[in-house]
C-alpha cells in the first residue's frame, strides 16, 4: 500500500524528513511517534499527497478519493452545520447512500442532536468529532490521522479507540500520536521520528 525509499522533505534550508524508508502492507497499522517538530505532520501530508517529496521515492497504492486525512485543523466549514458539511463532502466524494452514512456517523460520534448547529458554535472536541466523521465518510482504504485524540474528551477518545479497533486489518492506517501506548496494541509497526 505504501512504499517509501530515502524519503526527504525540506522547507527551504530546513530538512524535516531525511532518508525515511517505509513499507506498509494493505491492512497495516503504523503508529508514528516523535517530539514536536520531528516531521510527523509532514509525513502524513506527504502520504496524503498534499506535499511533494524533495528527495527519495514515495509510492501510494490508493487513489486520491480512497484516502481519508485528518489534519491538525478539522477542515470543516465553520459557517455550515455538521449535516451541511458532511452533505457537501459526501457529494464531492460521490458517497453512495450518503444520507444514511452521514446519519450513522453523526449518531456514532454523538453529534446527531447538534447536527443542525453551525460548527462555529461547536467546542473544539465536537469539531474534532465532526472532522473524524468527514475523514471516514467515504469509507477510505487509506486512513491518515494526525493526532486524532487532540481535544477529545474521555468519551470521544473511547469512541475513537473503538473505531480504530474496528478498522484495524480492514483499512490501512497511519496514526501520528504523542500517546503511542494508546494505539500500540493495534499497530503492526511503529515509526519513531527524531
N, C-alpha and C. Protein backbone atom coordinates (compact mmCIF):
# COMPACT_ATOMS: atom_id res chain seq x y z
N UNK A 1 0.83 -1.21 0.00
CA UNK A 1 0.00 0.00 0.00
C UNK A 1 0.87 1.26 0.00
N UNK A 2 1.91 1.29 0.88
CA UNK A 2 2.82 2.44 0.95
C UNK A 2 4.25 1.94 0.85
N UNK A 3 5.04 2.59 -0.01
CA UNK A 3 6.46 2.26 -0.12
C UNK A 3 7.23 3.56 -0.24
N UNK A 4 8.14 3.78 0.70
CA UNK A 4 8.99 4.98 0.68
C UNK A 4 10.44 4.55 0.78
N UNK A 5 11.29 5.17 -0.04
CA UNK A 5 12.73 4.90 -0.02
C UNK A 5 13.48 6.22 0.00
N UNK A 6 14.24 6.43 1.05
CA UNK A 6 15.03 7.66 1.16
C UNK A 6 14.18 8.91 1.14
N UNK A 7 12.97 8.83 1.67
CA UNK A 7 12.02 9.94 1.61
C UNK A 7 12.57 11.16 2.36
N UNK A 8 12.51 12.28 1.69
CA UNK A 8 13.03 13.52 2.26
C UNK A 8 12.07 14.66 1.96
N UNK A 9 11.98 15.58 2.93
CA UNK A 9 11.20 16.78 2.71
C UNK A 9 11.92 17.94 3.38
N UNK A 10 12.14 18.97 2.57
CA UNK A 10 12.77 20.20 3.05
C UNK A 10 11.79 21.35 2.90
N UNK A 11 11.95 22.32 3.78
CA UNK A 11 11.27 23.60 3.66
C UNK A 11 12.38 24.64 3.63
N UNK A 12 12.77 25.03 2.44
CA UNK A 12 13.93 25.91 2.29
C UNK A 12 15.18 25.16 2.70
N UNK A 13 15.91 25.72 3.63
CA UNK A 13 17.13 25.09 4.13
C UNK A 13 16.85 24.06 5.23
N UNK A 14 15.65 24.08 5.76
CA UNK A 14 15.33 23.19 6.88
C UNK A 14 14.89 21.82 6.38
N UNK A 15 15.63 20.79 6.79
CA UNK A 15 15.27 19.42 6.43
C UNK A 15 14.41 18.84 7.55
N UNK A 16 13.17 18.48 7.21
CA UNK A 16 12.23 17.96 8.20
C UNK A 16 12.28 16.44 8.22
N UNK A 17 12.32 15.82 7.07
CA UNK A 17 12.45 14.36 6.97
C UNK A 17 13.69 14.06 6.14
N UNK A 18 14.43 13.04 6.55
CA UNK A 18 15.66 12.70 5.82
C UNK A 18 15.84 11.19 5.77
N UNK A 19 15.87 10.65 4.56
CA UNK A 19 16.21 9.25 4.37
C UNK A 19 15.26 8.25 5.00
N UNK A 20 13.97 8.55 5.01
CA UNK A 20 13.00 7.64 5.63
C UNK A 20 12.63 6.51 4.68
N UNK A 21 12.75 5.28 5.15
CA UNK A 21 12.29 4.09 4.43
C UNK A 21 11.07 3.56 5.15
N UNK A 22 10.05 3.20 4.39
CA UNK A 22 8.81 2.73 5.00
C UNK A 22 8.10 1.79 4.05
N UNK A 23 7.67 0.65 4.56
CA UNK A 23 6.85 -0.30 3.81
C UNK A 23 5.63 -0.63 4.65
N UNK A 24 4.45 -0.38 4.10
CA UNK A 24 3.20 -0.67 4.81
C UNK A 24 2.33 -1.50 3.88
N UNK A 25 2.01 -2.71 4.30
CA UNK A 25 1.12 -3.57 3.52
C UNK A 25 -0.32 -3.12 3.70
N UNK A 26 -1.16 -3.48 2.75
CA UNK A 26 -2.60 -3.20 2.88
C UNK A 26 -3.10 -3.83 4.17
N UNK A 27 -3.87 -3.07 4.94
CA UNK A 27 -4.37 -3.55 6.21
C UNK A 27 -3.42 -3.31 7.37
N UNK A 28 -2.26 -2.72 7.10
CA UNK A 28 -1.30 -2.43 8.16
C UNK A 28 -1.72 -1.23 8.98
N UNK A 29 -1.13 -1.12 10.16
CA UNK A 29 -1.41 -0.01 11.07
C UNK A 29 -0.06 0.51 11.56
N UNK A 30 0.27 1.74 11.17
CA UNK A 30 1.53 2.35 11.55
C UNK A 30 1.28 3.44 12.59
N UNK A 31 1.94 3.33 13.73
CA UNK A 31 1.93 4.38 14.73
C UNK A 31 3.17 5.24 14.50
N UNK A 32 2.96 6.53 14.29
CA UNK A 32 4.07 7.45 14.05
C UNK A 32 4.24 8.30 15.31
N UNK A 33 5.43 8.23 15.90
CA UNK A 33 5.70 8.94 17.13
C UNK A 33 6.91 9.85 16.96
N UNK A 34 7.10 10.72 17.93
CA UNK A 34 8.24 11.63 17.92
C UNK A 34 7.85 12.94 18.56
N UNK A 35 8.85 13.71 18.96
CA UNK A 35 8.57 15.00 19.59
C UNK A 35 8.01 16.02 18.60
N UNK A 36 7.52 17.13 19.12
CA UNK A 36 7.06 18.21 18.26
C UNK A 36 8.19 18.63 17.33
N UNK A 37 7.85 18.87 16.07
CA UNK A 37 8.84 19.30 15.10
C UNK A 37 9.65 18.18 14.47
N UNK A 38 9.31 16.94 14.78
CA UNK A 38 10.10 15.81 14.25
C UNK A 38 9.67 15.39 12.85
N UNK A 39 8.55 15.90 12.35
CA UNK A 39 8.13 15.60 10.99
C UNK A 39 6.90 14.71 10.88
N UNK A 40 6.21 14.46 11.98
CA UNK A 40 5.02 13.58 11.94
C UNK A 40 3.96 14.13 10.99
N UNK A 41 3.60 15.40 11.17
CA UNK A 41 2.56 16.01 10.32
C UNK A 41 3.03 16.10 8.87
N UNK A 42 4.30 16.38 8.68
CA UNK A 42 4.86 16.44 7.32
C UNK A 42 4.75 15.09 6.64
N UNK A 43 5.07 14.02 7.37
CA UNK A 43 4.97 12.68 6.79
C UNK A 43 3.54 12.38 6.38
N UNK A 44 2.56 12.69 7.23
CA UNK A 44 1.17 12.41 6.87
C UNK A 44 0.72 13.25 5.68
N UNK A 45 1.16 14.51 5.62
CA UNK A 45 0.80 15.35 4.47
C UNK A 45 1.42 14.80 3.18
N UNK A 46 2.62 14.25 3.26
CA UNK A 46 3.23 13.61 2.10
C UNK A 46 2.41 12.40 1.67
N UNK A 47 2.02 11.57 2.63
CA UNK A 47 1.24 10.37 2.32
C UNK A 47 -0.13 10.72 1.75
N UNK A 48 -0.68 11.87 2.17
CA UNK A 48 -1.98 12.31 1.67
C UNK A 48 -1.88 12.96 0.30
N UNK A 49 -0.65 13.21 -0.17
CA UNK A 49 -0.47 13.85 -1.46
C UNK A 49 -0.59 15.36 -1.41
N UNK A 50 -0.56 15.93 -0.22
CA UNK A 50 -0.67 17.38 -0.07
C UNK A 50 0.67 18.08 -0.16
N UNK A 51 1.73 17.33 0.05
CA UNK A 51 3.09 17.82 -0.13
C UNK A 51 3.81 16.86 -1.07
N UNK A 52 4.78 17.39 -1.80
CA UNK A 52 5.61 16.55 -2.66
C UNK A 52 6.96 16.34 -1.97
N UNK A 53 7.51 15.14 -2.08
CA UNK A 53 8.85 14.91 -1.52
C UNK A 53 9.88 15.78 -2.23
N UNK A 54 10.90 16.20 -1.49
CA UNK A 54 12.01 16.92 -2.11
C UNK A 54 13.16 15.98 -2.39
N UNK A 55 13.02 14.72 -2.00
CA UNK A 55 14.02 13.70 -2.28
C UNK A 55 13.45 12.33 -2.00
N UNK A 56 14.06 11.32 -2.62
CA UNK A 56 13.62 9.95 -2.41
C UNK A 56 12.43 9.57 -3.26
N UNK A 57 11.87 8.43 -2.96
CA UNK A 57 10.72 7.89 -3.70
C UNK A 57 9.57 7.62 -2.76
N UNK A 58 8.36 7.84 -3.26
CA UNK A 58 7.15 7.55 -2.50
C UNK A 58 6.09 6.99 -3.43
N UNK A 59 5.60 5.80 -3.11
CA UNK A 59 4.54 5.17 -3.89
C UNK A 59 3.38 4.85 -2.95
N UNK A 60 2.19 5.27 -3.34
CA UNK A 60 0.97 5.00 -2.58
C UNK A 60 0.01 4.26 -3.50
N UNK A 61 -0.44 3.09 -3.09
CA UNK A 61 -1.38 2.31 -3.90
C UNK A 61 -2.81 2.63 -3.49
N UNK A 62 -3.16 3.89 -3.57
CA UNK A 62 -4.52 4.34 -3.30
C UNK A 62 -4.75 5.60 -4.11
N UNK A 63 -5.91 5.67 -4.73
CA UNK A 63 -6.27 6.89 -5.45
C UNK A 63 -6.58 7.98 -4.44
N UNK A 64 -6.55 9.21 -4.87
CA UNK A 64 -6.83 10.36 -4.01
C UNK A 64 -8.17 10.21 -3.30
N UNK A 65 -9.18 9.69 -4.01
CA UNK A 65 -10.51 9.56 -3.41
C UNK A 65 -10.62 8.36 -2.47
N UNK A 66 -9.53 7.59 -2.32
CA UNK A 66 -9.52 6.46 -1.39
C UNK A 66 -8.74 6.78 -0.12
N UNK A 67 -8.37 8.06 0.02
CA UNK A 67 -7.60 8.50 1.18
C UNK A 67 -8.47 9.35 2.09
N UNK A 68 -8.48 9.01 3.37
CA UNK A 68 -9.14 9.82 4.39
C UNK A 68 -8.06 10.46 5.24
N UNK A 69 -8.06 11.80 5.34
CA UNK A 69 -6.98 12.52 6.00
C UNK A 69 -7.53 13.46 7.06
N UNK A 70 -7.08 13.24 8.29
CA UNK A 70 -7.42 14.13 9.40
C UNK A 70 -6.17 14.92 9.74
N UNK A 71 -6.22 16.23 9.58
CA UNK A 71 -5.09 17.11 9.88
C UNK A 71 -5.27 17.70 11.28
N UNK A 72 -4.34 18.59 11.65
CA UNK A 72 -4.47 19.28 12.94
C UNK A 72 -5.73 20.14 12.96
N UNK A 73 -6.03 20.78 11.85
CA UNK A 73 -7.26 21.56 11.74
C UNK A 73 -8.38 20.64 11.27
N UNK A 74 -9.61 20.86 11.73
CA UNK A 74 -10.71 19.96 11.36
C UNK A 74 -11.07 19.95 9.87
N UNK A 75 -10.73 21.03 9.15
CA UNK A 75 -11.05 21.15 7.72
C UNK A 75 -12.53 20.97 7.44
N UNK A 76 -13.34 21.65 8.26
CA UNK A 76 -14.77 21.73 8.03
C UNK A 76 -15.15 23.21 7.98
N UNK A 77 -16.27 23.51 7.35
CA UNK A 77 -16.71 24.89 7.20
C UNK A 77 -17.47 25.32 8.45
N UNK A 78 -16.92 26.33 9.12
CA UNK A 78 -17.49 26.78 10.39
C UNK A 78 -18.87 27.41 10.24
N UNK A 79 -19.17 27.98 9.08
CA UNK A 79 -20.46 28.64 8.90
C UNK A 79 -21.57 27.66 8.50
N UNK A 80 -21.21 26.42 8.25
CA UNK A 80 -22.19 25.39 7.91
C UNK A 80 -22.46 24.52 9.13
N UNK A 81 -23.57 23.82 9.09
CA UNK A 81 -23.88 22.85 10.16
C UNK A 81 -23.10 21.56 9.90
N UNK A 82 -23.11 20.68 10.87
CA UNK A 82 -22.46 19.37 10.71
C UNK A 82 -23.09 18.63 9.53
N UNK A 83 -24.42 18.66 9.48
CA UNK A 83 -25.13 17.98 8.40
C UNK A 83 -24.76 18.56 7.04
N UNK A 84 -24.71 19.88 6.94
CA UNK A 84 -24.36 20.53 5.67
C UNK A 84 -22.92 20.23 5.28
N UNK A 85 -22.01 20.21 6.24
CA UNK A 85 -20.61 19.87 5.95
C UNK A 85 -20.51 18.47 5.37
N UNK A 86 -21.12 17.52 6.03
CA UNK A 86 -20.99 16.13 5.58
C UNK A 86 -21.73 15.90 4.26
N UNK A 87 -22.83 16.60 4.07
CA UNK A 87 -23.55 16.52 2.79
C UNK A 87 -22.65 17.03 1.66
N UNK A 88 -21.96 18.14 1.89
CA UNK A 88 -21.05 18.70 0.89
C UNK A 88 -19.93 17.71 0.56
N UNK A 89 -19.26 17.20 1.60
CA UNK A 89 -18.17 16.24 1.37
C UNK A 89 -18.69 14.94 0.75
N UNK A 90 -19.89 14.55 1.15
CA UNK A 90 -20.48 13.34 0.57
C UNK A 90 -20.72 13.48 -0.93
N UNK A 91 -21.15 14.66 -1.34
CA UNK A 91 -21.34 14.92 -2.78
C UNK A 91 -20.00 14.96 -3.50
N UNK A 92 -19.00 15.61 -2.89
CA UNK A 92 -17.68 15.67 -3.53
C UNK A 92 -17.09 14.28 -3.75
N UNK A 93 -17.29 13.40 -2.77
CA UNK A 93 -16.75 12.04 -2.87
C UNK A 93 -17.73 11.06 -3.52
N UNK A 94 -18.89 11.55 -3.90
CA UNK A 94 -19.92 10.70 -4.52
C UNK A 94 -20.22 9.46 -3.66
N UNK A 95 -20.47 9.73 -2.38
CA UNK A 95 -20.74 8.64 -1.43
C UNK A 95 -22.11 8.06 -1.73
N UNK A 96 -22.18 6.76 -1.99
CA UNK A 96 -23.49 6.14 -2.21
C UNK A 96 -24.27 6.11 -0.89
N UNK A 97 -25.57 6.26 -0.97
CA UNK A 97 -26.43 6.26 0.21
C UNK A 97 -25.87 7.19 1.28
N UNK A 98 -25.49 8.40 0.86
CA UNK A 98 -24.77 9.30 1.75
C UNK A 98 -25.60 9.76 2.94
N UNK A 99 -26.91 9.92 2.77
CA UNK A 99 -27.72 10.37 3.92
C UNK A 99 -27.68 9.35 5.05
N UNK A 100 -27.76 8.07 4.69
CA UNK A 100 -27.70 7.02 5.70
C UNK A 100 -26.32 6.98 6.35
N UNK A 101 -25.28 7.12 5.54
CA UNK A 101 -23.91 7.10 6.05
C UNK A 101 -23.65 8.31 6.96
N UNK A 102 -24.12 9.47 6.55
CA UNK A 102 -23.96 10.68 7.36
C UNK A 102 -24.68 10.52 8.70
N UNK A 103 -25.92 10.06 8.65
CA UNK A 103 -26.69 9.85 9.88
C UNK A 103 -26.01 8.87 10.82
N UNK A 104 -25.49 7.78 10.26
CA UNK A 104 -24.83 6.76 11.06
C UNK A 104 -23.58 7.33 11.75
N UNK A 105 -22.77 8.11 11.01
CA UNK A 105 -21.55 8.69 11.59
C UNK A 105 -21.88 9.74 12.65
N UNK A 106 -22.84 10.61 12.37
CA UNK A 106 -23.22 11.63 13.35
C UNK A 106 -23.76 10.99 14.63
N UNK A 107 -24.52 9.94 14.48
CA UNK A 107 -25.02 9.22 15.65
C UNK A 107 -23.88 8.55 16.41
N UNK A 108 -23.00 7.87 15.70
CA UNK A 108 -21.88 7.16 16.33
C UNK A 108 -20.99 8.11 17.10
N UNK A 109 -20.74 9.30 16.56
CA UNK A 109 -19.84 10.25 17.21
C UNK A 109 -20.55 11.25 18.11
N UNK A 110 -21.82 10.98 18.42
CA UNK A 110 -22.53 11.79 19.40
C UNK A 110 -22.90 13.18 18.94
N UNK A 111 -22.98 13.39 17.64
CA UNK A 111 -23.27 14.72 17.10
C UNK A 111 -24.69 14.85 16.54
N UNK A 112 -25.45 13.78 16.55
CA UNK A 112 -26.79 13.83 15.97
C UNK A 112 -27.66 14.94 16.58
N UNK A 113 -27.68 15.10 17.90
CA UNK A 113 -28.51 16.18 18.47
C UNK A 113 -28.07 17.58 18.02
N UNK A 114 -26.81 17.75 17.66
CA UNK A 114 -26.28 19.06 17.27
C UNK A 114 -26.07 19.16 15.76
N UNK A 115 -26.73 18.30 14.99
CA UNK A 115 -26.46 18.22 13.55
C UNK A 115 -26.84 19.48 12.78
N UNK A 116 -27.81 20.27 13.31
CA UNK A 116 -28.24 21.48 12.60
C UNK A 116 -27.53 22.75 13.09
N UNK A 117 -26.71 22.62 14.15
CA UNK A 117 -25.99 23.79 14.67
C UNK A 117 -24.79 24.11 13.77
N UNK A 118 -24.49 25.39 13.66
CA UNK A 118 -23.28 25.78 12.93
C UNK A 118 -22.05 25.28 13.67
N UNK A 119 -21.06 24.88 12.92
CA UNK A 119 -19.83 24.37 13.52
C UNK A 119 -19.14 25.45 14.35
N UNK A 120 -19.36 26.72 14.02
CA UNK A 120 -18.76 27.81 14.80
C UNK A 120 -19.23 27.79 16.25
N UNK A 121 -20.37 27.16 16.53
CA UNK A 121 -20.88 27.05 17.90
C UNK A 121 -20.37 25.80 18.61
N UNK A 122 -19.65 24.96 17.90
CA UNK A 122 -19.14 23.71 18.47
C UNK A 122 -17.92 23.97 19.35
N UNK A 123 -17.74 23.13 20.35
CA UNK A 123 -16.50 23.13 21.11
C UNK A 123 -15.41 22.53 20.21
N UNK A 124 -14.16 22.67 20.63
CA UNK A 124 -13.05 22.10 19.84
C UNK A 124 -13.18 20.57 19.75
N UNK A 125 -13.62 19.94 20.83
CA UNK A 125 -13.81 18.49 20.82
C UNK A 125 -14.92 18.05 19.87
N UNK A 126 -16.01 18.80 19.82
CA UNK A 126 -17.10 18.47 18.89
C UNK A 126 -16.63 18.64 17.45
N UNK A 127 -15.85 19.70 17.19
CA UNK A 127 -15.32 19.90 15.84
C UNK A 127 -14.38 18.76 15.47
N UNK A 128 -13.62 18.24 16.43
CA UNK A 128 -12.73 17.10 16.15
C UNK A 128 -13.54 15.86 15.83
N UNK A 129 -14.64 15.66 16.53
CA UNK A 129 -15.52 14.51 16.22
C UNK A 129 -16.07 14.65 14.81
N UNK A 130 -16.50 15.86 14.44
CA UNK A 130 -17.01 16.09 13.09
C UNK A 130 -15.92 15.84 12.06
N UNK A 131 -14.70 16.27 12.36
CA UNK A 131 -13.59 16.03 11.44
C UNK A 131 -13.34 14.53 11.24
N UNK A 132 -13.51 13.76 12.29
CA UNK A 132 -13.38 12.30 12.16
C UNK A 132 -14.49 11.75 11.26
N UNK A 133 -15.71 12.27 11.41
CA UNK A 133 -16.81 11.86 10.53
C UNK A 133 -16.47 12.19 9.08
N UNK A 134 -15.95 13.39 8.85
CA UNK A 134 -15.58 13.80 7.49
C UNK A 134 -14.51 12.88 6.92
N UNK A 135 -13.54 12.54 7.73
CA UNK A 135 -12.42 11.69 7.29
C UNK A 135 -12.89 10.30 6.89
N UNK A 136 -13.87 9.76 7.60
CA UNK A 136 -14.32 8.38 7.38
C UNK A 136 -15.54 8.28 6.47
N UNK A 137 -16.12 9.42 6.11
CA UNK A 137 -17.39 9.45 5.37
C UNK A 137 -17.37 8.60 4.11
N UNK A 138 -16.32 8.67 3.32
CA UNK A 138 -16.28 7.98 2.03
C UNK A 138 -15.65 6.59 2.13
N UNK A 139 -15.52 6.07 3.37
CA UNK A 139 -15.03 4.72 3.62
C UNK A 139 -13.68 4.50 2.94
N UNK A 140 -12.67 5.33 3.29
CA UNK A 140 -11.38 5.27 2.59
C UNK A 140 -10.61 3.99 2.88
N UNK A 141 -9.79 3.58 1.93
CA UNK A 141 -8.95 2.39 2.14
C UNK A 141 -7.67 2.76 2.87
N UNK A 142 -7.23 4.02 2.77
CA UNK A 142 -6.05 4.51 3.48
C UNK A 142 -6.51 5.65 4.40
N UNK A 143 -6.33 5.46 5.71
CA UNK A 143 -6.77 6.43 6.70
C UNK A 143 -5.54 7.02 7.38
N UNK A 144 -5.38 8.34 7.25
CA UNK A 144 -4.24 9.06 7.81
C UNK A 144 -4.75 10.00 8.89
N UNK A 145 -4.34 9.77 10.13
CA UNK A 145 -4.85 10.55 11.26
C UNK A 145 -3.69 11.23 11.98
N UNK A 146 -3.71 12.55 11.97
CA UNK A 146 -2.66 13.34 12.61
C UNK A 146 -3.16 13.80 13.99
N UNK A 147 -2.65 13.19 15.03
CA UNK A 147 -3.06 13.49 16.41
C UNK A 147 -4.58 13.46 16.57
N UNK A 148 -5.21 12.32 16.25
CA UNK A 148 -6.67 12.27 16.26
C UNK A 148 -7.31 12.43 17.63
N UNK A 149 -6.56 12.18 18.71
CA UNK A 149 -7.14 12.29 20.06
C UNK A 149 -7.14 13.73 20.57
N UNK A 150 -6.55 14.63 19.80
CA UNK A 150 -6.47 16.03 20.21
C UNK A 150 -7.87 16.60 20.46
N UNK A 151 -8.05 17.18 21.64
CA UNK A 151 -9.28 17.87 22.06
C UNK A 151 -10.44 16.94 22.38
N UNK A 152 -10.27 15.62 22.25
CA UNK A 152 -11.37 14.71 22.58
C UNK A 152 -11.44 14.48 24.08
N UNK A 153 -12.67 14.45 24.60
CA UNK A 153 -12.85 14.09 26.00
C UNK A 153 -12.77 12.57 26.13
N UNK A 154 -12.96 12.06 27.34
CA UNK A 154 -12.81 10.62 27.58
C UNK A 154 -13.77 9.80 26.72
N UNK A 155 -15.02 10.27 26.58
CA UNK A 155 -16.00 9.54 25.75
C UNK A 155 -15.57 9.55 24.28
N UNK A 156 -15.12 10.71 23.80
CA UNK A 156 -14.66 10.80 22.41
C UNK A 156 -13.46 9.92 22.16
N UNK A 157 -12.54 9.87 23.12
CA UNK A 157 -11.36 9.02 22.97
C UNK A 157 -11.74 7.55 22.92
N UNK A 158 -12.72 7.16 23.75
CA UNK A 158 -13.18 5.75 23.72
C UNK A 158 -13.86 5.43 22.39
N UNK A 159 -14.62 6.39 21.85
CA UNK A 159 -15.24 6.19 20.53
C UNK A 159 -14.16 5.97 19.46
N UNK A 160 -13.12 6.80 19.52
CA UNK A 160 -12.04 6.66 18.54
C UNK A 160 -11.29 5.35 18.74
N UNK A 161 -11.07 4.94 19.98
CA UNK A 161 -10.44 3.64 20.25
C UNK A 161 -11.22 2.53 19.56
N UNK A 162 -12.54 2.55 19.73
CA UNK A 162 -13.40 1.51 19.14
C UNK A 162 -13.36 1.58 17.62
N UNK A 163 -13.35 2.79 17.06
CA UNK A 163 -13.30 2.95 15.60
C UNK A 163 -12.00 2.39 15.04
N UNK A 164 -10.88 2.72 15.68
CA UNK A 164 -9.59 2.22 15.22
C UNK A 164 -9.52 0.70 15.32
N UNK A 165 -10.05 0.16 16.40
CA UNK A 165 -10.07 -1.30 16.55
C UNK A 165 -10.89 -1.95 15.44
N UNK A 166 -12.02 -1.33 15.08
CA UNK A 166 -12.88 -1.88 14.02
C UNK A 166 -12.22 -1.77 12.65
N UNK A 167 -11.44 -0.71 12.43
CA UNK A 167 -10.79 -0.51 11.13
C UNK A 167 -9.51 -1.33 10.97
N UNK A 168 -8.91 -1.74 12.09
CA UNK A 168 -7.64 -2.47 12.05
C UNK A 168 -7.78 -3.75 11.24
N UNK A 169 -6.90 -3.89 10.26
CA UNK A 169 -6.93 -5.06 9.38
C UNK A 169 -7.85 -4.89 8.20
N UNK A 170 -8.86 -4.02 8.33
CA UNK A 170 -9.81 -3.76 7.25
C UNK A 170 -9.34 -2.63 6.34
N UNK A 171 -8.65 -1.67 6.93
CA UNK A 171 -8.14 -0.49 6.23
C UNK A 171 -6.66 -0.34 6.58
N UNK A 172 -5.94 0.41 5.79
CA UNK A 172 -4.55 0.75 6.11
C UNK A 172 -4.58 2.04 6.90
N UNK A 173 -3.94 2.03 8.07
CA UNK A 173 -3.98 3.17 8.98
C UNK A 173 -2.58 3.68 9.26
N UNK A 174 -2.44 5.01 9.24
CA UNK A 174 -1.21 5.66 9.70
C UNK A 174 -1.67 6.73 10.67
N UNK A 175 -1.25 6.59 11.94
CA UNK A 175 -1.72 7.46 13.01
C UNK A 175 -0.52 8.08 13.71
N UNK A 176 -0.44 9.41 13.70
CA UNK A 176 0.61 10.09 14.47
C UNK A 176 0.04 10.39 15.85
N UNK A 177 0.89 10.22 16.86
CA UNK A 177 0.41 10.40 18.22
C UNK A 177 1.54 10.71 19.18
N UNK A 178 1.20 11.47 20.22
CA UNK A 178 2.12 11.69 21.33
C UNK A 178 1.85 10.67 22.44
N UNK A 179 0.84 9.83 22.24
CA UNK A 179 0.48 8.81 23.23
C UNK A 179 0.51 7.44 22.56
N UNK A 180 1.71 6.94 22.23
CA UNK A 180 1.80 5.68 21.48
C UNK A 180 1.21 4.49 22.22
N UNK A 181 1.20 4.51 23.55
CA UNK A 181 0.64 3.38 24.29
C UNK A 181 -0.83 3.17 23.98
N UNK A 182 -1.50 4.24 23.59
CA UNK A 182 -2.93 4.15 23.29
C UNK A 182 -3.19 3.32 22.02
N UNK A 183 -2.32 3.44 21.02
CA UNK A 183 -2.55 2.73 19.75
C UNK A 183 -1.61 1.54 19.54
N UNK A 184 -0.60 1.43 20.37
CA UNK A 184 0.40 0.37 20.20
C UNK A 184 -0.21 -1.04 20.13
N UNK A 185 -1.25 -1.36 20.93
CA UNK A 185 -1.82 -2.72 20.84
C UNK A 185 -2.40 -3.05 19.46
N UNK A 186 -2.77 -2.03 18.69
CA UNK A 186 -3.35 -2.24 17.36
C UNK A 186 -2.31 -2.17 16.25
N UNK A 187 -1.21 -1.48 16.52
CA UNK A 187 -0.22 -1.19 15.47
C UNK A 187 0.55 -2.43 15.04
N UNK A 188 0.77 -2.53 13.73
CA UNK A 188 1.61 -3.59 13.18
C UNK A 188 3.05 -3.14 13.08
N UNK A 189 3.28 -1.80 13.14
CA UNK A 189 4.62 -1.27 13.16
C UNK A 189 4.60 0.14 13.72
N UNK A 190 5.78 0.57 14.18
CA UNK A 190 5.91 1.90 14.75
C UNK A 190 7.09 2.61 14.09
N UNK A 191 6.86 3.86 13.73
CA UNK A 191 7.91 4.70 13.16
C UNK A 191 8.16 5.82 14.16
N UNK A 192 9.37 5.89 14.67
CA UNK A 192 9.73 6.92 15.63
C UNK A 192 10.62 7.93 14.93
N UNK A 193 10.15 9.17 14.83
CA UNK A 193 10.91 10.24 14.19
C UNK A 193 11.64 11.05 15.24
N UNK A 194 12.85 11.46 14.94
CA UNK A 194 13.64 12.23 15.92
C UNK A 194 13.85 13.64 15.41
